Amino acid sequence: MKFINIGYGNIISANRIISVIVPGAAPIKRLVQEAKEKSLVIDATSGRKTRAVIIMDTGHIVLSAVQPDTVVSRLNKDIAEKEDE
């Protein structure tokens, strides 16, 4: 099982990530709000602005203060290291 850093000491399982998206669009805001009502949101922003919304295969939504490009590059780096092994 591989983990990736999503900022400020928060780490999630790379195997469980479905998508990494920008939180600005209205449908994404609705998705996050509905998940909050169901207690499925994990806020990993440490009080900072949400810059990435990470959808997990468990149905949880993780909010991160790191840019989506940064999360994806860390994920790709993890995949490249796995292929080298």
N, C-alpha and C. Protein backbone atom coordinates (compact mmCIF):
# COMPACT_ATOMS: atom_id res chain seq x y z
N MET A 1 0.85 -1.18 0.00
CA MET A 1 0.00 0.00 0.00
C MET A 1 0.89 1.24 0.00
N LYS A 2 0.64 2.14 -0.93
CA LYS A 2 1.40 3.38 -1.05
C LYS A 2 0.57 4.55 -0.55
N PHE A 3 1.26 5.51 0.03
CA PHE A 3 0.61 6.71 0.54
C PHE A 3 1.21 7.93 -0.14
N ILE A 4 0.40 8.98 -0.29
CA ILE A 4 0.91 10.24 -0.81
C ILE A 4 0.57 11.37 0.16
N ASN A 5 1.45 12.35 0.17
CA ASN A 5 1.28 13.51 1.02
C ASN A 5 0.35 14.49 0.32
N ILE A 6 -0.71 14.91 1.02
CA ILE A 6 -1.65 15.87 0.44
C ILE A 6 -1.53 17.23 1.12
N GLY A 7 -0.42 17.43 1.83
CA GLY A 7 -0.14 18.73 2.42
C GLY A 7 -0.32 18.79 3.91
N TYR A 8 0.59 19.54 4.55
CA TYR A 8 0.53 19.85 5.97
C TYR A 8 0.47 18.60 6.87
N GLY A 9 1.25 17.60 6.49
CA GLY A 9 1.35 16.40 7.30
C GLY A 9 0.22 15.40 7.13
N ASN A 10 -0.62 15.62 6.14
CA ASN A 10 -1.74 14.71 5.89
C ASN A 10 -1.38 13.75 4.75
N ILE A 11 -1.66 12.48 4.96
CA ILE A 11 -1.29 11.45 4.01
C ILE A 11 -2.51 10.56 3.75
N ILE A 12 -2.71 10.19 2.47
CA ILE A 12 -3.81 9.29 2.12
C ILE A 12 -3.29 8.15 1.26
N SER A 13 -4.08 7.10 1.18
CA SER A 13 -3.72 5.93 0.39
C SER A 13 -3.86 6.24 -1.10
N ALA A 14 -2.78 6.07 -1.83
CA ALA A 14 -2.78 6.34 -3.27
C ALA A 14 -3.66 5.35 -4.02
N ASN A 15 -3.79 4.14 -3.51
CA ASN A 15 -4.58 3.11 -4.17
C ASN A 15 -6.08 3.39 -4.15
N ARG A 16 -6.51 4.24 -3.26
CA ARG A 16 -7.94 4.50 -3.08
C ARG A 16 -8.44 5.72 -3.84
N ILE A 17 -7.56 6.49 -4.48
CA ILE A 17 -7.95 7.72 -5.16
C ILE A 17 -8.63 7.40 -6.49
N ILE A 18 -9.81 8.00 -6.69
CA ILE A 18 -10.51 7.89 -7.96
C ILE A 18 -10.20 9.10 -8.83
N SER A 19 -10.31 10.30 -8.23
CA SER A 19 -10.03 11.51 -9.01
C SER A 19 -9.59 12.65 -8.10
N VAL A 20 -8.91 13.61 -8.72
CA VAL A 20 -8.48 14.84 -8.05
C VAL A 20 -9.02 15.98 -8.89
N ILE A 21 -9.87 16.82 -8.28
CA ILE A 21 -10.53 17.87 -9.05
C ILE A 21 -10.44 19.23 -8.36
N VAL A 22 -10.67 20.27 -9.16
CA VAL A 22 -10.66 21.65 -8.67
C VAL A 22 -12.03 21.93 -8.04
N PRO A 23 -12.07 22.59 -6.87
CA PRO A 23 -13.34 22.76 -6.16
C PRO A 23 -14.21 23.92 -6.63
N GLY A 24 -13.84 24.63 -7.67
CA GLY A 24 -14.55 25.86 -8.04
C GLY A 24 -15.91 25.70 -8.69
N ALA A 25 -16.15 24.61 -9.40
CA ALA A 25 -17.40 24.45 -10.15
C ALA A 25 -18.58 24.16 -9.21
N ALA A 26 -19.75 24.62 -9.61
CA ALA A 26 -20.95 24.45 -8.81
C ALA A 26 -21.29 22.97 -8.54
N PRO A 27 -21.18 22.07 -9.53
CA PRO A 27 -21.48 20.66 -9.22
C PRO A 27 -20.54 20.06 -8.17
N ILE A 28 -19.31 20.50 -8.17
CA ILE A 28 -18.35 19.99 -7.17
C ILE A 28 -18.70 20.53 -5.80
N LYS A 29 -19.09 21.80 -5.74
CA LYS A 29 -19.51 22.37 -4.46
C LYS A 29 -20.73 21.64 -3.90
N ARG A 30 -21.68 21.28 -4.79
CA ARG A 30 -22.85 20.51 -4.35
C ARG A 30 -22.44 19.13 -3.87
N LEU A 31 -21.52 18.50 -4.58
CA LEU A 31 -21.03 17.18 -4.21
C LEU A 31 -20.41 17.21 -2.81
N VAL A 32 -19.60 18.22 -2.55
CA VAL A 32 -18.96 18.36 -1.23
C VAL A 32 -20.01 18.63 -0.16
N GLN A 33 -20.97 19.49 -0.46
CA GLN A 33 -22.01 19.82 0.52
C GLN A 33 -22.85 18.59 0.87
N GLU A 34 -23.20 17.80 -0.13
CA GLU A 34 -23.98 16.58 0.12
C GLU A 34 -23.17 15.58 0.95
N ALA A 35 -21.87 15.50 0.67
CA ALA A 35 -21.00 14.60 1.43
C ALA A 35 -20.86 15.07 2.88
N LYS A 36 -20.84 16.39 3.09
CA LYS A 36 -20.77 16.93 4.45
C LYS A 36 -22.01 16.54 5.24
N GLU A 37 -23.16 16.58 4.59
CA GLU A 37 -24.41 16.21 5.25
C GLU A 37 -24.42 14.73 5.65
N LYS A 38 -23.71 13.91 4.88
CA LYS A 38 -23.62 12.48 5.17
C LYS A 38 -22.39 12.13 6.01
N SER A 39 -21.65 13.13 6.45
CA SER A 39 -20.42 12.96 7.24
C SER A 39 -19.38 12.12 6.50
N LEU A 40 -19.21 12.39 5.21
CA LEU A 40 -18.23 11.67 4.40
C LEU A 40 -17.07 12.56 3.96
N VAL A 41 -17.00 13.78 4.48
CA VAL A 41 -15.93 14.71 4.10
C VAL A 41 -14.81 14.66 5.14
N ILE A 42 -13.60 14.58 4.64
CA ILE A 42 -12.42 14.65 5.48
C ILE A 42 -11.70 15.94 5.11
N ASP A 43 -11.67 16.88 6.04
CA ASP A 43 -11.05 18.18 5.79
C ASP A 43 -9.59 18.13 6.21
N ALA A 44 -8.71 18.09 5.21
CA ALA A 44 -7.26 18.03 5.47
C ALA A 44 -6.59 19.35 5.09
N THR A 45 -7.33 20.45 5.16
CA THR A 45 -6.79 21.74 4.75
C THR A 45 -6.06 22.47 5.87
N SER A 46 -6.22 22.03 7.08
CA SER A 46 -5.60 22.70 8.24
C SER A 46 -5.99 24.17 8.32
N GLY A 47 -7.25 24.46 8.00
CA GLY A 47 -7.76 25.82 8.10
C GLY A 47 -7.46 26.71 6.91
N ARG A 48 -6.84 26.17 5.89
CA ARG A 48 -6.50 26.94 4.71
C ARG A 48 -7.58 26.76 3.63
N LYS A 49 -7.41 27.50 2.54
CA LYS A 49 -8.36 27.44 1.43
C LYS A 49 -8.28 26.07 0.75
N THR A 50 -9.45 25.52 0.40
CA THR A 50 -9.49 24.24 -0.30
C THR A 50 -9.09 24.46 -1.75
N ARG A 51 -8.06 23.75 -2.19
CA ARG A 51 -7.59 23.89 -3.57
C ARG A 51 -7.76 22.62 -4.37
N ALA A 52 -7.97 21.49 -3.69
CA ALA A 52 -8.18 20.23 -4.40
C ALA A 52 -9.22 19.41 -3.65
N VAL A 53 -10.07 18.75 -4.42
CA VAL A 53 -11.06 17.82 -3.87
C VAL A 53 -10.67 16.45 -4.39
N ILE A 54 -10.44 15.53 -3.47
CA ILE A 54 -10.00 14.19 -3.83
C ILE A 54 -11.14 13.22 -3.54
N ILE A 55 -11.58 12.53 -4.59
CA ILE A 55 -12.66 11.56 -4.46
C ILE A 55 -12.03 10.19 -4.23
N MET A 56 -12.47 9.51 -3.17
CA MET A 56 -11.93 8.20 -2.82
C MET A 56 -12.93 7.11 -3.21
N ASP A 57 -12.43 5.89 -3.39
CA ASP A 57 -13.31 4.78 -3.77
C ASP A 57 -14.23 4.33 -2.64
N THR A 58 -14.00 4.81 -1.45
CA THR A 58 -14.85 4.48 -0.30
C THR A 58 -16.08 5.38 -0.21
N GLY A 59 -16.13 6.40 -1.09
CA GLY A 59 -17.22 7.36 -1.05
C GLY A 59 -16.86 8.62 -0.27
N HIS A 60 -15.72 8.61 0.39
CA HIS A 60 -15.26 9.78 1.13
C HIS A 60 -14.71 10.83 0.16
N ILE A 61 -14.79 12.08 0.59
CA ILE A 61 -14.23 13.19 -0.16
C ILE A 61 -13.23 13.87 0.75
N VAL A 62 -12.00 14.01 0.25
CA VAL A 62 -10.93 14.63 1.02
C VAL A 62 -10.67 16.02 0.46
N LEU A 63 -10.67 17.02 1.33
CA LEU A 63 -10.37 18.39 0.93
C LEU A 63 -8.92 18.68 1.26
N SER A 64 -8.18 19.20 0.28
CA SER A 64 -6.76 19.46 0.46
C SER A 64 -6.44 20.91 0.12
N ALA A 65 -5.44 21.47 0.80
CA ALA A 65 -5.01 22.84 0.54
C ALA A 65 -3.90 22.89 -0.50
N VAL A 66 -3.55 21.75 -1.07
CA VAL A 66 -2.51 21.67 -2.09
C VAL A 66 -3.18 21.67 -3.47
N GLN A 67 -2.54 22.31 -4.44
CA GLN A 67 -3.07 22.36 -5.80
C GLN A 67 -3.26 20.95 -6.38
N PRO A 68 -4.29 20.75 -7.20
CA PRO A 68 -4.52 19.44 -7.80
C PRO A 68 -3.32 18.95 -8.62
N ASP A 69 -2.63 19.87 -9.32
CA ASP A 69 -1.46 19.48 -10.10
C ASP A 69 -0.37 18.88 -9.21
N THR A 70 -0.22 19.43 -8.03
CA THR A 70 0.79 18.92 -7.10
C THR A 70 0.41 17.53 -6.61
N VAL A 71 -0.85 17.32 -6.29
CA VAL A 71 -1.30 16.01 -5.84
C VAL A 71 -1.10 14.98 -6.94
N VAL A 72 -1.47 15.34 -8.18
CA VAL A 72 -1.33 14.41 -9.29
C VAL A 72 0.14 14.11 -9.58
N SER A 73 1.00 15.12 -9.50
CA SER A 73 2.42 14.86 -9.74
C SER A 73 3.00 13.95 -8.67
N ARG A 74 2.56 14.10 -7.43
CA ARG A 74 3.02 13.20 -6.37
C ARG A 74 2.50 11.79 -6.60
N LEU A 75 1.29 11.69 -7.10
CA LEU A 75 0.71 10.39 -7.40
C LEU A 75 1.45 9.73 -8.56
N ASN A 76 1.74 10.51 -9.60
CA ASN A 76 2.48 9.99 -10.75
C ASN A 76 3.89 9.57 -10.36
N LYS A 77 4.52 10.34 -9.49
CA LYS A 77 5.86 9.98 -9.00
C LYS A 77 5.79 8.65 -8.26
N ASP A 78 4.76 8.46 -7.48
CA ASP A 78 4.57 7.22 -6.74
C ASP A 78 4.37 6.04 -7.70
N ILE A 79 3.62 6.26 -8.77
CA ILE A 79 3.37 5.20 -9.76
C ILE A 79 4.67 4.87 -10.50
N ALA A 80 5.47 5.89 -10.84
CA ALA A 80 6.73 5.66 -11.54
C ALA A 80 7.70 4.87 -10.65
N GLU A 81 7.74 5.19 -9.36
CA GLU A 81 8.61 4.46 -8.44
C GLU A 81 8.16 3.01 -8.32
N LYS A 82 6.86 2.80 -8.35
CA LYS A 82 6.31 1.43 -8.24
C LYS A 82 6.71 0.62 -9.48
N GLU A 83 6.70 1.24 -10.66
CA GLU A 83 7.08 0.55 -11.88
C GLU A 83 8.56 0.21 -11.91
N ASP A 84 9.39 1.04 -11.28
CA ASP A 84 10.84 0.80 -11.24
C ASP A 84 11.19 -0.40 -10.37
N GLU A 85 10.33 -0.72 -9.42
CA GLU A 85 10.61 -1.82 -8.50
C GLU A 85 10.48 -3.12 -9.14
